[in-house]
């Protein structure tokens, strides 16, 4: 009797659209084809077949990378956004800052004590 293995974590399963590829992969490969094929067809007469092929490959590689790269379940854009945010947007050092309510209370108490001392000193001078 045939059976199908079902993984324990169903969140890792991605829905396939066509040709056993995800929607994201189809979009990236389609973008690569839209950019690469016309580049090859237009450049092959000007620079030759070999150089046009290399130019097409160079233009299509980023799309293939974006389609296939995944780290810790995150696609390339999210990984790049996190790296840019950590390196450039957010500060490098984030000091630990708290409000010390005890210090505020002791300052107020010291101010009250010095005020009382000043009043006592003024009373002694008058007497």
PDB file of N, CA and C in Angstrom:
ATOM      1  N   UNK A   1       0.838  -1.172   0.000  1.00  0.00           N
ATOM      2  CA  UNK A   1       0.000   0.000   0.000  1.00  0.00           C
ATOM      3  C   UNK A   1       0.894   1.249   0.000  1.00  0.00           C
ATOM      4  N   UNK A   2       0.685   2.198  -0.925  1.00  0.00           N
ATOM      5  CA  UNK A   2       1.539   3.390  -0.980  1.00  0.00           C
ATOM      6  C   UNK A   2       1.246   4.338   0.183  1.00  0.00           C
ATOM      7  N   UNK A   3       2.272   5.044   0.586  1.00  0.00           N
ATOM      8  CA  UNK A   3       2.106   6.018   1.663  1.00  0.00           C
ATOM      9  C   UNK A   3       2.981   7.240   1.370  1.00  0.00           C
ATOM     10  N   UNK A   4       2.660   8.335   2.041  1.00  0.00           N
ATOM     11  CA  UNK A   4       3.370   9.591   1.844  1.00  0.00           C
ATOM     12  C   UNK A   4       3.958  10.014   3.175  1.00  0.00           C
ATOM     13  N   UNK A   5       5.239  10.382   3.187  1.00  0.00           N
ATOM     14  CA  UNK A   5       5.852  10.902   4.402  1.00  0.00           C
ATOM     15  C   UNK A   5       5.375  12.332   4.638  1.00  0.00           C
ATOM     16  N   UNK A   6       4.890  12.592   5.838  1.00  0.00           N
ATOM     17  CA  UNK A   6       4.444  13.927   6.208  1.00  0.00           C
ATOM     18  C   UNK A   6       5.435  14.456   7.236  1.00  0.00           C
ATOM     19  N   UNK A   7       6.074  15.610   6.959  1.00  0.00           N
ATOM     20  CA  UNK A   7       7.038  16.145   7.920  1.00  0.00           C
ATOM     21  C   UNK A   7       6.336  16.641   9.186  1.00  0.00           C
ATOM     22  N   UNK A   8       7.107  16.682  10.274  1.00  0.00           N
ATOM     23  CA  UNK A   8       6.542  17.124  11.547  1.00  0.00           C
ATOM     24  C   UNK A   8       6.187  18.606  11.524  1.00  0.00           C
ATOM     25  N   UNK A   9       7.024  19.420  10.899  1.00  0.00           N
ATOM     26  CA  UNK A   9       6.808  20.870  10.864  1.00  0.00           C
ATOM     27  C   UNK A   9       6.226  21.251   9.513  1.00  0.00           C
ATOM     28  N   UNK A  10       4.918  21.479   9.475  1.00  0.00           N
ATOM     29  CA  UNK A  10       4.254  21.791   8.212  1.00  0.00           C
ATOM     30  C   UNK A  10       4.477  23.232   7.771  1.00  0.00           C
ATOM     31  N   UNK A  11       5.040  24.076   8.630  1.00  0.00           N
ATOM     32  CA  UNK A  11       5.285  25.467   8.243  1.00  0.00           C
ATOM     33  C   UNK A  11       6.435  25.583   7.242  1.00  0.00           C
ATOM     34  N   UNK A  12       7.273  24.560   7.147  1.00  0.00           N
ATOM     35  CA  UNK A  12       8.395  24.591   6.213  1.00  0.00           C
ATOM     36  C   UNK A  12       7.980  24.202   4.795  1.00  0.00           C
ATOM     37  N   UNK A  13       6.786  23.718   4.620  1.00  0.00           N
ATOM     38  CA  UNK A  13       6.302  23.314   3.305  1.00  0.00           C
ATOM     39  C   UNK A  13       5.846  24.561   2.554  1.00  0.00           C
ATOM     40  N   UNK A  14       6.328  24.717   1.321  1.00  0.00           N
ATOM     41  CA  UNK A  14       5.962  25.866   0.503  1.00  0.00           C
ATOM     42  C   UNK A  14       5.062  25.390  -0.631  1.00  0.00           C
ATOM     43  N   UNK A  15       4.066  26.201  -0.922  1.00  0.00           N
ATOM     44  CA  UNK A  15       3.147  25.823  -1.992  1.00  0.00           C
ATOM     45  C   UNK A  15       3.820  26.039  -3.332  1.00  0.00           C
ATOM     46  N   UNK A  16       3.708  25.042  -4.188  1.00  0.00           N
ATOM     47  CA  UNK A  16       4.314  25.087  -5.517  1.00  0.00           C
ATOM     48  C   UNK A  16       3.250  25.532  -6.516  1.00  0.00           C
ATOM     49  N   UNK A  17       3.654  26.416  -7.429  1.00  0.00           N
ATOM     50  CA  UNK A  17       2.708  26.943  -8.407  1.00  0.00           C
ATOM     51  C   UNK A  17       2.785  26.147  -9.714  1.00  0.00           C
ATOM     52  N   UNK A  18       3.930  26.205 -10.387  1.00  0.00           N
ATOM     53  CA  UNK A  18       4.097  25.528 -11.671  1.00  0.00           C
ATOM     54  C   UNK A  18       5.535  25.040 -11.784  1.00  0.00           C
ATOM     55  N   UNK A  19       5.712  23.947 -12.481  1.00  0.00           N
ATOM     56  CA  UNK A  19       7.041  23.353 -12.680  1.00  0.00           C
ATOM     57  C   UNK A  19       7.740  23.076 -11.357  1.00  0.00           C
ATOM     58  N   UNK A  20       6.979  22.804 -10.336  1.00  0.00           N
ATOM     59  CA  UNK A  20       7.485  22.514  -8.991  1.00  0.00           C
ATOM     60  C   UNK A  20       8.300  23.690  -8.432  1.00  0.00           C
ATOM     61  N   UNK A  21       7.909  24.924  -8.780  1.00  0.00           N
ATOM     62  CA  UNK A  21       8.549  26.137  -8.289  1.00  0.00           C
ATOM     63  C   UNK A  21       7.534  26.968  -7.505  1.00  0.00           C
ATOM     64  N   UNK A  22       8.040  27.709  -6.544  1.00  0.00           N
ATOM     65  CA  UNK A  22       7.159  28.593  -5.778  1.00  0.00           C
ATOM     66  C   UNK A  22       6.867  29.847  -6.597  1.00  0.00           C
ATOM     67  N   UNK A  23       5.883  30.618  -6.134  1.00  0.00           N
ATOM     68  CA  UNK A  23       5.523  31.853  -6.829  1.00  0.00           C
ATOM     69  C   UNK A  23       6.702  32.817  -6.871  1.00  0.00           C
ATOM     70  N   UNK A  24       7.437  32.888  -5.789  1.00  0.00           N
ATOM     71  CA  UNK A  24       8.607  33.764  -5.707  1.00  0.00           C
ATOM     72  C   UNK A  24       9.661  33.355  -6.740  1.00  0.00           C
ATOM     73  N   UNK A  25       9.927  32.066  -6.835  1.00  0.00           N
ATOM     74  CA  UNK A  25      10.914  31.579  -7.790  1.00  0.00           C
ATOM     75  C   UNK A  25      10.463  31.826  -9.228  1.00  0.00           C
ATOM     76  N   UNK A  26       9.182  31.635  -9.492  1.00  0.00           N
ATOM     77  CA  UNK A  26       8.671  31.903 -10.832  1.00  0.00           C
ATOM     78  C   UNK A  26       8.824  33.368 -11.213  1.00  0.00           C
ATOM     79  N   UNK A  27       8.537  34.272 -10.279  1.00  0.00           N
ATOM     80  CA  UNK A  27       8.683  35.700 -10.551  1.00  0.00           C
ATOM     81  C   UNK A  27      10.139  36.075 -10.801  1.00  0.00           C
ATOM     82  N   UNK A  28      11.035  35.554  -9.989  1.00  0.00           N
ATOM     83  CA  UNK A  28      12.461  35.879 -10.157  1.00  0.00           C
ATOM     84  C   UNK A  28      13.009  35.305 -11.458  1.00  0.00           C
ATOM     85  N   UNK A  29      12.665  34.071 -11.782  1.00  0.00           N
ATOM     86  CA  UNK A  29      13.138  33.478 -13.035  1.00  0.00           C
ATOM     87  C   UNK A  29      12.529  34.202 -14.229  1.00  0.00           C
ATOM     88  N   UNK A  30      11.271  34.599 -14.125  1.00  0.00           N
ATOM     89  CA  UNK A  30      10.636  35.372 -15.200  1.00  0.00           C
ATOM     90  C   UNK A  30      11.317  36.717 -15.391  1.00  0.00           C
ATOM     91  N   UNK A  31      11.648  37.384 -14.280  1.00  0.00           N
ATOM     92  CA  UNK A  31      12.385  38.654 -14.372  1.00  0.00           C
ATOM     93  C   UNK A  31      13.750  38.462 -15.002  1.00  0.00           C
ATOM     94  N   UNK A  32      14.411  37.378 -14.652  1.00  0.00           N
ATOM     95  CA  UNK A  32      15.725  37.086 -15.254  1.00  0.00           C
ATOM     96  C   UNK A  32      15.581  36.873 -16.754  1.00  0.00           C
ATOM     97  N   UNK A  33      14.533  36.163 -17.169  1.00  0.00           N
ATOM     98  CA  UNK A  33      14.327  35.927 -18.601  1.00  0.00           C
ATOM     99  C   UNK A  33      13.995  37.229 -19.321  1.00  0.00           C
ATOM    100  N   UNK A  34      13.182  38.077 -18.696  1.00  0.00           N
ATOM    101  CA  UNK A  34      12.805  39.347 -19.326  1.00  0.00           C
ATOM    102  C   UNK A  34      14.020  40.247 -19.508  1.00  0.00           C
ATOM    103  N   UNK A  35      14.959  40.214 -18.579  1.00  0.00           N
ATOM    104  CA  UNK A  35      16.162  41.040 -18.676  1.00  0.00           C
ATOM    105  C   UNK A  35      17.238  40.369 -19.537  1.00  0.00           C
ATOM    106  N   UNK A  36      17.441  39.079 -19.356  1.00  0.00           N
ATOM    107  CA  UNK A  36      18.574  38.391 -19.985  1.00  0.00           C
ATOM    108  C   UNK A  36      18.428  38.100 -21.464  1.00  0.00           C
ATOM    109  N   UNK A  37      17.270  37.614 -21.876  1.00  0.00           N
ATOM    110  CA  UNK A  37      17.094  37.197 -23.277  1.00  0.00           C
ATOM    111  C   UNK A  37      17.200  38.387 -24.232  1.00  0.00           C
ATOM    112  N   UNK A  38      16.505  39.507 -23.982  1.00  0.00           N
ATOM    113  CA  UNK A  38      16.694  40.651 -24.895  1.00  0.00           C
ATOM    114  C   UNK A  38      18.127  41.183 -24.895  1.00  0.00           C
ATOM    115  N   UNK A  39      18.778  41.133 -23.741  1.00  0.00           N
ATOM    116  CA  UNK A  39      20.174  41.575 -23.687  1.00  0.00           C
ATOM    117  C   UNK A  39      21.029  40.726 -24.619  1.00  0.00           C
ATOM    118  N   UNK A  40      20.827  39.435 -24.580  1.00  0.00           N
ATOM    119  CA  UNK A  40      21.603  38.546 -25.450  1.00  0.00           C
ATOM    120  C   UNK A  40      21.281  38.807 -26.918  1.00  0.00           C
ATOM    121  N   UNK A  41      19.997  38.884 -27.229  1.00  0.00           N
ATOM    122  CA  UNK A  41      19.597  39.051 -28.629  1.00  0.00           C
ATOM    123  C   UNK A  41      20.076  40.381 -29.209  1.00  0.00           C
ATOM    124  N   UNK A  42      20.070  41.439 -28.411  1.00  0.00           N
ATOM    125  CA  UNK A  42      20.501  42.749 -28.910  1.00  0.00           C
ATOM    126  C   UNK A  42      22.022  42.898 -28.936  1.00  0.00           C
ATOM    127  N   UNK A  43      22.708  42.203 -28.030  1.00  0.00           N
ATOM    128  CA  UNK A  43      24.157  42.391 -27.911  1.00  0.00           C
ATOM    129  C   UNK A  43      24.969  41.417 -28.749  1.00  0.00           C
ATOM    130  N   UNK A  44      24.377  40.334 -29.209  1.00  0.00           N
ATOM    131  CA  UNK A  44      25.180  39.316 -29.906  1.00  0.00           C
ATOM    132  C   UNK A  44      25.732  39.809 -31.238  1.00  0.00           C
ATOM    133  N   UNK A  45      25.031  40.733 -31.908  1.00  0.00           N
ATOM    134  CA  UNK A  45      25.546  41.253 -33.176  1.00  0.00           C
ATOM    135  C   UNK A  45      26.655  42.273 -32.928  1.00  0.00           C
ATOM    136  N   UNK A  46      26.550  42.997 -31.825  1.00  0.00           N
ATOM    137  CA  UNK A  46      27.521  44.066 -31.569  1.00  0.00           C
ATOM    138  C   UNK A  46      28.821  43.535 -30.960  1.00  0.00           C
ATOM    139  N   UNK A  47      28.715  42.599 -30.000  1.00  0.00           N
ATOM    140  CA  UNK A  47      29.921  42.157 -29.287  1.00  0.00           C
ATOM    141  C   UNK A  47      30.230  40.678 -29.488  1.00  0.00           C
ATOM    142  N   UNK A  48      29.421  39.970 -30.244  1.00  0.00           N
ATOM    143  CA  UNK A  48      29.680  38.551 -30.487  1.00  0.00           C
ATOM    144  C   UNK A  48      28.888  37.666 -29.532  1.00  0.00           C
ATOM    145  N   UNK A  49      28.764  36.386 -29.904  1.00  0.00           N
ATOM    146  CA  UNK A  49      27.956  35.443 -29.130  1.00  0.00           C
ATOM    147  C   UNK A  49      28.521  35.188 -27.727  1.00  0.00           C
ATOM    148  N   UNK A  50      29.823  34.965 -27.656  1.00  0.00           N
ATOM    149  CA  UNK A  50      30.427  34.634 -26.356  1.00  0.00           C
ATOM    150  C   UNK A  50      30.291  35.758 -25.343  1.00  0.00           C
ATOM    151  N   UNK A  51      30.621  36.977 -25.747  1.00  0.00           N
ATOM    152  CA  UNK A  51      30.513  38.119 -24.830  1.00  0.00           C
ATOM    153  C   UNK A  51      29.055  38.421 -24.504  1.00  0.00           C
ATOM    154  N   UNK A  52      28.159  38.269 -25.475  1.00  0.00           N
ATOM    155  CA  UNK A  52      26.729  38.498 -25.217  1.00  0.00           C
ATOM    156  C   UNK A  52      26.195  37.465 -24.232  1.00  0.00           C
ATOM    157  N   UNK A  53      26.658  36.241 -24.356  1.00  0.00           N
ATOM    158  CA  UNK A  53      26.240  35.186 -23.423  1.00  0.00           C
ATOM    159  C   UNK A  53      26.717  35.507 -22.004  1.00  0.00           C
ATOM    160  N   UNK A  54      27.973  35.961 -21.883  1.00  0.00           N
ATOM    161  CA  UNK A  54      28.490  36.316 -20.557  1.00  0.00           C
ATOM    162  C   UNK A  54      27.743  37.516 -19.967  1.00  0.00           C
ATOM    163  N   UNK A  55      27.398  38.484 -20.796  1.00  0.00           N
ATOM    164  CA  UNK A  55      26.627  39.630 -20.317  1.00  0.00           C
ATOM    165  C   UNK A  55      25.246  39.188 -19.841  1.00  0.00           C
ATOM    166  N   UNK A  56      24.624  38.285 -20.608  1.00  0.00           N
ATOM    167  CA  UNK A  56      23.309  37.772 -20.215  1.00  0.00           C
ATOM    168  C   UNK A  56      23.400  37.041 -18.878  1.00  0.00           C
ATOM    169  N   UNK A  57      24.406  36.213 -18.714  1.00  0.00           N
ATOM    170  CA  UNK A  57      24.582  35.474 -17.467  1.00  0.00           C
ATOM    171  C   UNK A  57      24.815  36.434 -16.302  1.00  0.00           C
ATOM    172  N   UNK A  58      25.653  37.451 -16.535  1.00  0.00           N
ATOM    173  CA  UNK A  58      25.942  38.417 -15.475  1.00  0.00           C
ATOM    174  C   UNK A  58      24.685  39.173 -15.045  1.00  0.00           C
ATOM    175  N   UNK A  59      23.796  39.474 -15.984  1.00  0.00           N
ATOM    176  CA  UNK A  59      22.561  40.186 -15.636  1.00  0.00           C
ATOM    177  C   UNK A  59      21.520  39.269 -14.991  1.00  0.00           C
ATOM    178  N   UNK A  60      21.565  37.984 -15.319  1.00  0.00           N
ATOM    179  CA  UNK A  60      20.563  37.059 -14.785  1.00  0.00           C
ATOM    180  C   UNK A  60      20.942  36.482 -13.424  1.00  0.00           C
ATOM    181  N   UNK A  61      22.219  36.446 -13.098  1.00  0.00           N
ATOM    182  CA  UNK A  61      22.649  35.839 -11.829  1.00  0.00           C
ATOM    183  C   UNK A  61      22.006  36.458 -10.582  1.00  0.00           C
ATOM    184  N   UNK A  62      21.884  37.787 -10.480  1.00  0.00           N
ATOM    185  CA  UNK A  62      21.229  38.328  -9.282  1.00  0.00           C
ATOM    186  C   UNK A  62      19.787  37.845  -9.114  1.00  0.00           C
ATOM    187  N   UNK A  63      19.076  37.684 -10.228  1.00  0.00           N
ATOM    188  CA  UNK A  63      17.702  37.193 -10.136  1.00  0.00           C
ATOM    189  C   UNK A  63      17.670  35.742  -9.649  1.00  0.00           C
ATOM    190  N   UNK A  64      18.583  34.921 -10.156  1.00  0.00           N
ATOM    191  CA  UNK A  64      18.659  33.534  -9.699  1.00  0.00           C
ATOM    192  C   UNK A  64      19.025  33.471  -8.214  1.00  0.00           C
ATOM    193  N   UNK A  65      19.945  34.336  -7.819  1.00  0.00           N
ATOM    194  CA  UNK A  65      20.342  34.380  -6.405  1.00  0.00           C
ATOM    195  C   UNK A  65      19.154  34.751  -5.525  1.00  0.00           C
ATOM    196  N   UNK A  66      18.397  35.770  -5.951  1.00  0.00           N
ATOM    197  CA  UNK A  66      17.238  36.195  -5.159  1.00  0.00           C
ATOM    198  C   UNK A  66      16.167  35.109  -5.108  1.00  0.00           C
ATOM    199  N   UNK A  67      16.069  34.311  -6.155  1.00  0.00           N
ATOM    200  CA  UNK A  67      15.061  33.247  -6.185  1.00  0.00           C
ATOM    201  C   UNK A  67      15.432  32.093  -5.268  1.00  0.00           C
ATOM    202  N   UNK A  68      16.714  31.762  -5.200  1.00  0.00           N
ATOM    203  CA  UNK A  68      17.116  30.541  -4.509  1.00  0.00           C
ATOM    204  C   UNK A  68      17.647  30.751  -3.100  1.00  0.00           C
ATOM    205  N   UNK A  69      18.173  31.937  -2.787  1.00  0.00           N
ATOM    206  CA  UNK A  69      18.819  32.161  -1.494  1.00  0.00           C
ATOM    207  C   UNK A  69      17.778  32.240  -0.391  1.00  0.00           C
ATOM    208  N   UNK A  70      18.058  31.528   0.669  1.00  0.00           N
ATOM    209  CA  UNK A  70      17.192  31.561   1.841  1.00  0.00           C
ATOM    210  C   UNK A  70      18.048  31.223   3.056  1.00  0.00           C
ATOM    211  N   UNK A  71      17.942  32.045   4.092  1.00  0.00           N
ATOM    212  CA  UNK A  71      18.725  31.802   5.303  1.00  0.00           C
ATOM    213  C   UNK A  71      17.787  31.851   6.498  1.00  0.00           C
ATOM    214  N   UNK A  72      17.789  30.806   7.272  1.00  0.00           N
ATOM    215  CA  UNK A  72      16.924  30.682   8.443  1.00  0.00           C
ATOM    216  C   UNK A  72      15.460  30.931   8.098  1.00  0.00           C
ATOM    217  N   UNK A  73      15.058  30.501   6.916  1.00  0.00           N
ATOM    218  CA  UNK A  73      13.673  30.655   6.500  1.00  0.00           C
ATOM    219  C   UNK A  73      13.328  32.035   5.972  1.00  0.00           C
ATOM    220  N   UNK A  74      14.296  32.939   5.875  1.00  0.00           N
ATOM    221  CA  UNK A  74      14.051  34.288   5.379  1.00  0.00           C
ATOM    222  C   UNK A  74      14.608  34.433   3.967  1.00  0.00           C
ATOM    223  N   UNK A  75      13.861  35.078   3.076  1.00  0.00           N
ATOM    224  CA  UNK A  75      14.386  35.297   1.723  1.00  0.00           C
ATOM    225  C   UNK A  75      15.468  36.374   1.726  1.00  0.00           C
ATOM    226  N   UNK A  76      16.116  36.533   0.587  1.00  0.00           N
ATOM    227  CA  UNK A  76      17.255  37.439   0.466  1.00  0.00           C
ATOM    228  C   UNK A  76      16.909  38.870   0.864  1.00  0.00           C
ATOM    229  N   UNK A  77      15.756  39.382   0.453  1.00  0.00           N
ATOM    230  CA  UNK A  77      15.402  40.776   0.736  1.00  0.00           C
ATOM    231  C   UNK A  77      15.323  41.037   2.227  1.00  0.00           C
ATOM    232  N   UNK A  78      14.733  40.118   2.961  1.00  0.00           N
ATOM    233  CA  UNK A  78      14.596  40.315   4.412  1.00  0.00           C
ATOM    234  C   UNK A  78      15.949  40.212   5.110  1.00  0.00           C
ATOM    235  N   UNK A  79      16.793  39.297   4.645  1.00  0.00           N
ATOM    236  CA  UNK A  79      18.134  39.180   5.228  1.00  0.00           C
ATOM    237  C   UNK A  79      18.926  40.457   4.954  1.00  0.00           C
ATOM    238  N   UNK A  80      18.861  40.951   3.712  1.00  0.00           N
ATOM    239  CA  UNK A  80      19.582  42.183   3.359  1.00  0.00           C
ATOM    240  C   UNK A  80      19.045  43.373   4.152  1.00  0.00           C
ATOM    241  N   UNK A  81      17.723  43.453   4.317  1.00  0.00           N
ATOM    242  CA  UNK A  81      17.125  44.547   5.088  1.00  0.00           C
ATOM    243  C   UNK A  81      17.591  44.501   6.537  1.00  0.00           C
ATOM    244  N   UNK A  82      17.649  43.320   7.115  1.00  0.00           N
ATOM    245  CA  UNK A  82      18.110  43.200   8.504  1.00  0.00           C
ATOM    246  C   UNK A  82      19.576  43.596   8.641  1.00  0.00           C
ATOM    247  N   UNK A  83      20.406  43.204   7.685  1.00  0.00           N
ATOM    248  CA  UNK A  83      21.833  43.561   7.738  1.00  0.00           C
ATOM    249  C   UNK A  83      22.010  45.060   7.596  1.00  0.00           C
ATOM    250  N   UNK A  84      21.310  45.672   6.648  1.00  0.00           N
ATOM    251  CA  UNK A  84      21.411  47.124   6.453  1.00  0.00           C
ATOM    252  C   UNK A  84      20.905  47.864   7.684  1.00  0.00           C
ATOM    253  N   UNK A  85      19.814  47.395   8.250  1.00  0.00           N
ATOM    254  CA  UNK A  85      19.270  48.044   9.448  1.00  0.00           C
ATOM    255  C   UNK A  85      20.245  47.936  10.618  1.00  0.00           C
ATOM    256  N   UNK A  86      20.883  46.784  10.774  1.00  0.00           N
ATOM    257  CA  UNK A  86      21.803  46.599  11.896  1.00  0.00           C
ATOM    258  C   UNK A  86      23.101  47.381  11.722  1.00  0.00           C
ATOM    259  N   UNK A  87      23.604  47.480  10.485  1.00  0.00           N
ATOM    260  CA  UNK A  87      24.892  48.124  10.262  1.00  0.00           C
ATOM    261  C   UNK A  87      24.800  49.633  10.084  1.00  0.00           C
ATOM    262  N   UNK A  88      23.752  50.119   9.428  1.00  0.00           N
ATOM    263  CA  UNK A  88      23.737  51.525   9.034  1.00  0.00           C
ATOM    264  C   UNK A  88      22.648  52.359   9.699  1.00  0.00           C
ATOM    265  N   UNK A  89      21.472  51.810   9.880  1.00  0.00           N
ATOM    266  CA  UNK A  89      20.347  52.620  10.354  1.00  0.00           C
ATOM    267  C   UNK A  89      20.333  52.738  11.879  1.00  0.00           C
ATOM    268  N   UNK A  90      20.435  51.624  12.551  1.00  0.00           N
ATOM    269  CA  UNK A  90      20.392  51.646  14.016  1.00  0.00           C
ATOM    270  C   UNK A  90      21.776  51.951  14.581  1.00  0.00           C
ATOM    271  N   UNK A  91      21.845  52.544  15.767  1.00  0.00           N
ATOM    272  CA  UNK A  91      23.164  52.858  16.340  1.00  0.00           C
ATOM    273  C   UNK A  91      23.922  51.585  16.705  1.00  0.00           C
ATOM    274  N   UNK A  92      25.255  51.678  16.640  1.00  0.00           N
ATOM    275  CA  UNK A  92      26.088  50.518  16.939  1.00  0.00           C
ATOM    276  C   UNK A  92      26.081  50.160  18.416  1.00  0.00           C
ATOM    277  N   UNK A  93      26.163  51.193  19.251  1.00  0.00           N
ATOM    278  CA  UNK A  93      26.136  50.946  20.692  1.00  0.00           C
ATOM    279  C   UNK A  93      24.820  51.443  21.240  1.00  0.00           C
ATOM    280  N   UNK A  94      24.181  50.606  22.017  1.00  0.00           N
ATOM    281  CA  UNK A  94      22.933  50.998  22.652  1.00  0.00           C
ATOM    282  C   UNK A  94      23.140  50.869  24.160  1.00  0.00           C
ATOM    283  N   UNK A  95      23.485  51.971  24.819  1.00  0.00           N
ATOM    284  CA  UNK A  95      23.761  51.882  26.249  1.00  0.00           C
ATOM    285  C   UNK A  95      22.503  51.565  27.037  1.00  0.00           C
ATOM    286  N   UNK A  96      22.726  50.891  28.128  1.00  0.00           N
ATOM    287  CA  UNK A  96      21.633  50.528  29.002  1.00  0.00           C
ATOM    288  C   UNK A  96      21.311  51.726  29.882  1.00  0.00           C
ATOM    289  N   UNK A  97      20.120  52.278  29.723  1.00  0.00           N
ATOM    290  CA  UNK A  97      19.736  53.461  30.472  1.00  0.00           C
ATOM    291  C   UNK A  97      18.493  53.155  31.289  1.00  0.00           C
ATOM    292  N   UNK A  98      18.531  53.562  32.528  1.00  0.00           N
ATOM    293  CA  UNK A  98      17.359  53.428  33.392  1.00  0.00           C
ATOM    294  C   UNK A  98      17.157  54.722  34.150  1.00  0.00           C
ATOM    295  N   UNK A  99      15.965  54.888  34.681  1.00  0.00           N
ATOM    296  CA  UNK A  99      15.708  56.003  35.567  1.00  0.00           C
ATOM    297  C   UNK A  99      15.806  55.467  36.985  1.00  0.00           C
ATOM    298  N   UNK A 100      16.747  55.986  37.731  1.00  0.00           N
ATOM    299  CA  UNK A 100      16.964  55.538  39.087  1.00  0.00           C
ATOM    300  C   UNK A 100      16.090  56.382  40.018  1.00  0.00           C
ATOM    301  N   UNK A 101      14.937  55.825  40.380  1.00  0.00           N
ATOM    302  CA  UNK A 101      14.002  56.573  41.213  1.00  0.00           C
ATOM    303  C   UNK A 101      14.562  56.798  42.611  1.00  0.00           C
ATOM    304  N   UNK A 102      15.393  55.890  43.076  1.00  0.00           N
ATOM    305  CA  UNK A 102      15.995  56.071  44.401  1.00  0.00           C
ATOM    306  C   UNK A 102      16.908  57.298  44.408  1.00  0.00           C
ATOM    307  N   UNK A 103      17.665  57.502  43.342  1.00  0.00           N
ATOM    308  CA  UNK A 103      18.542  58.676  43.259  1.00  0.00           C
ATOM    309  C   UNK A 103      17.718  59.960  43.226  1.00  0.00           C
ATOM    310  N   UNK A 104      16.600  59.939  42.556  1.00  0.00           N
ATOM    311  CA  UNK A 104      15.732  61.125  42.514  1.00  0.00           C
ATOM    312  C   UNK A 104      15.204  61.433  43.912  1.00  0.00           C
ATOM    313  N   UNK A 105      14.792  60.394  44.620  1.00  0.00           N
ATOM    314  CA  UNK A 105      14.274  60.603  45.980  1.00  0.00           C
ATOM    315  C   UNK A 105      15.363  61.124  46.920  1.00  0.00           C
ATOM    316  N   UNK A 106      16.572  60.602  46.813  1.00  0.00           N
ATOM    317  CA  UNK A 106      17.645  61.072  47.694  1.00  0.00           C
ATOM    318  C   UNK A 106      18.027  62.507  47.348  1.00  0.00           C
ATOM    319  N   UNK A 107      18.001  62.890  46.087  1.00  0.00           N
ATOM    320  CA  UNK A 107      18.272  64.287  45.717  1.00  0.00           C
ATOM    321  C   UNK A 107      17.229  65.212  46.312  1.00  0.00           C
ATOM    322  N   UNK A 108      15.973  64.811  46.212  1.00  0.00           N
ATOM    323  CA  UNK A 108      14.902  65.633  46.786  1.00  0.00           C
ATOM    324  C   UNK A 108      15.057  65.716  48.302  1.00  0.00           C
ATOM    325  N   UNK A 109      15.412  64.606  48.927  1.00  0.00           N
ATOM    326  CA  UNK A 109      15.591  64.591  50.378  1.00  0.00           C
ATOM    327  C   UNK A 109      16.761  65.485  50.785  1.00  0.00           C
ATOM    328  N   UNK A 110      17.850  65.413  50.034  1.00  0.00           N
ATOM    329  CA  UNK A 110      19.005  66.273  50.316  1.00  0.00           C
ATOM    330  C   UNK A 110      18.648  67.738  50.134  1.00  0.00           C
ATOM    331  N   UNK A 111      17.857  68.047  49.117  1.00  0.00           N
ATOM    332  CA  UNK A 111      17.435  69.429  48.895  1.00  0.00           C
ATOM    333  C   UNK A 111      16.573  69.904  50.054  1.00  0.00           C
ATOM    334  N   UNK A 112      15.691  69.041  50.547  1.00  0.00           N
ATOM    335  CA  UNK A 112      14.846  69.414  51.693  1.00  0.00           C
ATOM    336  C   UNK A 112      15.708  69.598  52.945  1.00  0.00           C
ATOM    337  N   UNK A 113      16.690  68.706  53.127  1.00  0.00           N
ATOM    338  CA  UNK A 113      17.567  68.804  54.297  1.00  0.00           C
ATOM    339  C   UNK A 113      18.394  70.081  54.250  1.00  0.00           C
ATOM    340  N   UNK A 114      18.937  70.434  53.117  1.00  0.00           N
ATOM    341  CA  UNK A 114      19.736  71.667  53.016  1.00  0.00           C
ATOM    342  C   UNK A 114      18.841  72.880  53.201  1.00  0.00           C
ATOM    343  N   UNK A 115      17.609  72.815  52.755  1.00  0.00           N
ATOM    344  CA  UNK A 115      16.669  73.914  52.970  1.00  0.00           C
ATOM    345  C   UNK A 115      16.378  74.095  54.441  1.00  0.00           C
ATOM    346  N   UNK A 116      16.238  72.995  55.189  1.00  0.00           N
ATOM    347  CA  UNK A 116      15.990  73.070  56.639  1.00  0.00           C
ATOM    348  C   UNK A 116      17.221  73.602  57.357  1.00  0.00           C
ATOM    349  N   UNK A 117      18.405  73.181  56.905  1.00  0.00           N
ATOM    350  CA  UNK A 117      19.640  73.662  57.529  1.00  0.00           C
ATOM    351  C   UNK A 117      19.788  75.166  57.320  1.00  0.00           C
ATOM    352  N   UNK A 118      19.456  75.646  56.128  1.00  0.00           N
ATOM    353  CA  UNK A 118      19.533  77.066  55.849  1.00  0.00           C
ATOM    354  C   UNK A 118      18.549  77.846  56.712  1.00  0.00           C
ATOM    355  N   UNK A 119      17.358  77.299  56.941  1.00  0.00           N
ATOM    356  CA  UNK A 119      16.372  77.978  57.777  1.00  0.00           C
ATOM    357  C   UNK A 119      16.862  78.004  59.230  1.00  0.00           C
ATOM    358  N   UNK A 120      17.443  76.897  59.700  1.00  0.00           N
ATOM    359  CA  UNK A 120      17.965  76.840  61.073  1.00  0.00           C
ATOM    360  C   UNK A 120      19.116  77.824  61.251  1.00  0.00           C
ATOM    361  N   UNK A 121      19.986  77.899  60.277  1.00  0.00           N
ATOM    362  CA  UNK A 121      21.124  78.831  60.347  1.00  0.00           C
ATOM    363  C   UNK A 121      20.631  80.263  60.354  1.00  0.00           C
ATOM    364  N   UNK A 122      19.594  80.580  59.569  1.00  0.00           N
ATOM    365  CA  UNK A 122      19.048  81.927  59.533  1.00  0.00           C
ATOM    366  C   UNK A 122      18.387  82.265  60.871  1.00  0.00           C
ATOM    367  N   UNK A 123      17.707  81.310  61.482  1.00  0.00           N
ATOM    368  CA  UNK A 123      17.070  81.544  62.781  1.00  0.00           C
ATOM    369  C   UNK A 123      18.119  81.782  63.858  1.00  0.00           C
ATOM    370  N   UNK A 124      19.243  81.053  63.814  1.00  0.00           N
ATOM    371  CA  UNK A 124      20.290  81.225  64.798  1.00  0.00           C
ATOM    372  C   UNK A 124      20.947  82.587  64.644  1.00  0.00           C
ATOM    373  N   UNK A 125      21.101  83.078  63.465  1.00  0.00           N
ATOM    374  CA  UNK A 125      21.698  84.399  63.231  1.00  0.00           C
ATOM    375  C   UNK A 125      20.783  85.504  63.766  1.00  0.00           C
ATOM    376  N   UNK A 126      19.495  85.306  63.605  1.00  0.00           N
ATOM    377  CA  UNK A 126      18.568  86.320  64.078  1.00  0.00           C
ATOM    378  C   UNK A 126      18.497  86.354  65.587  1.00  0.00           C
ATOM    379  N   UNK A 127      18.734  85.250  66.239  1.00  0.00           N
ATOM    380  CA  UNK A 127      18.629  85.188  67.695  1.00  0.00           C
ATOM    381  C   UNK A 127      19.817  85.695  68.419  1.00  0.00           C
TER     382      UNK A 127
END
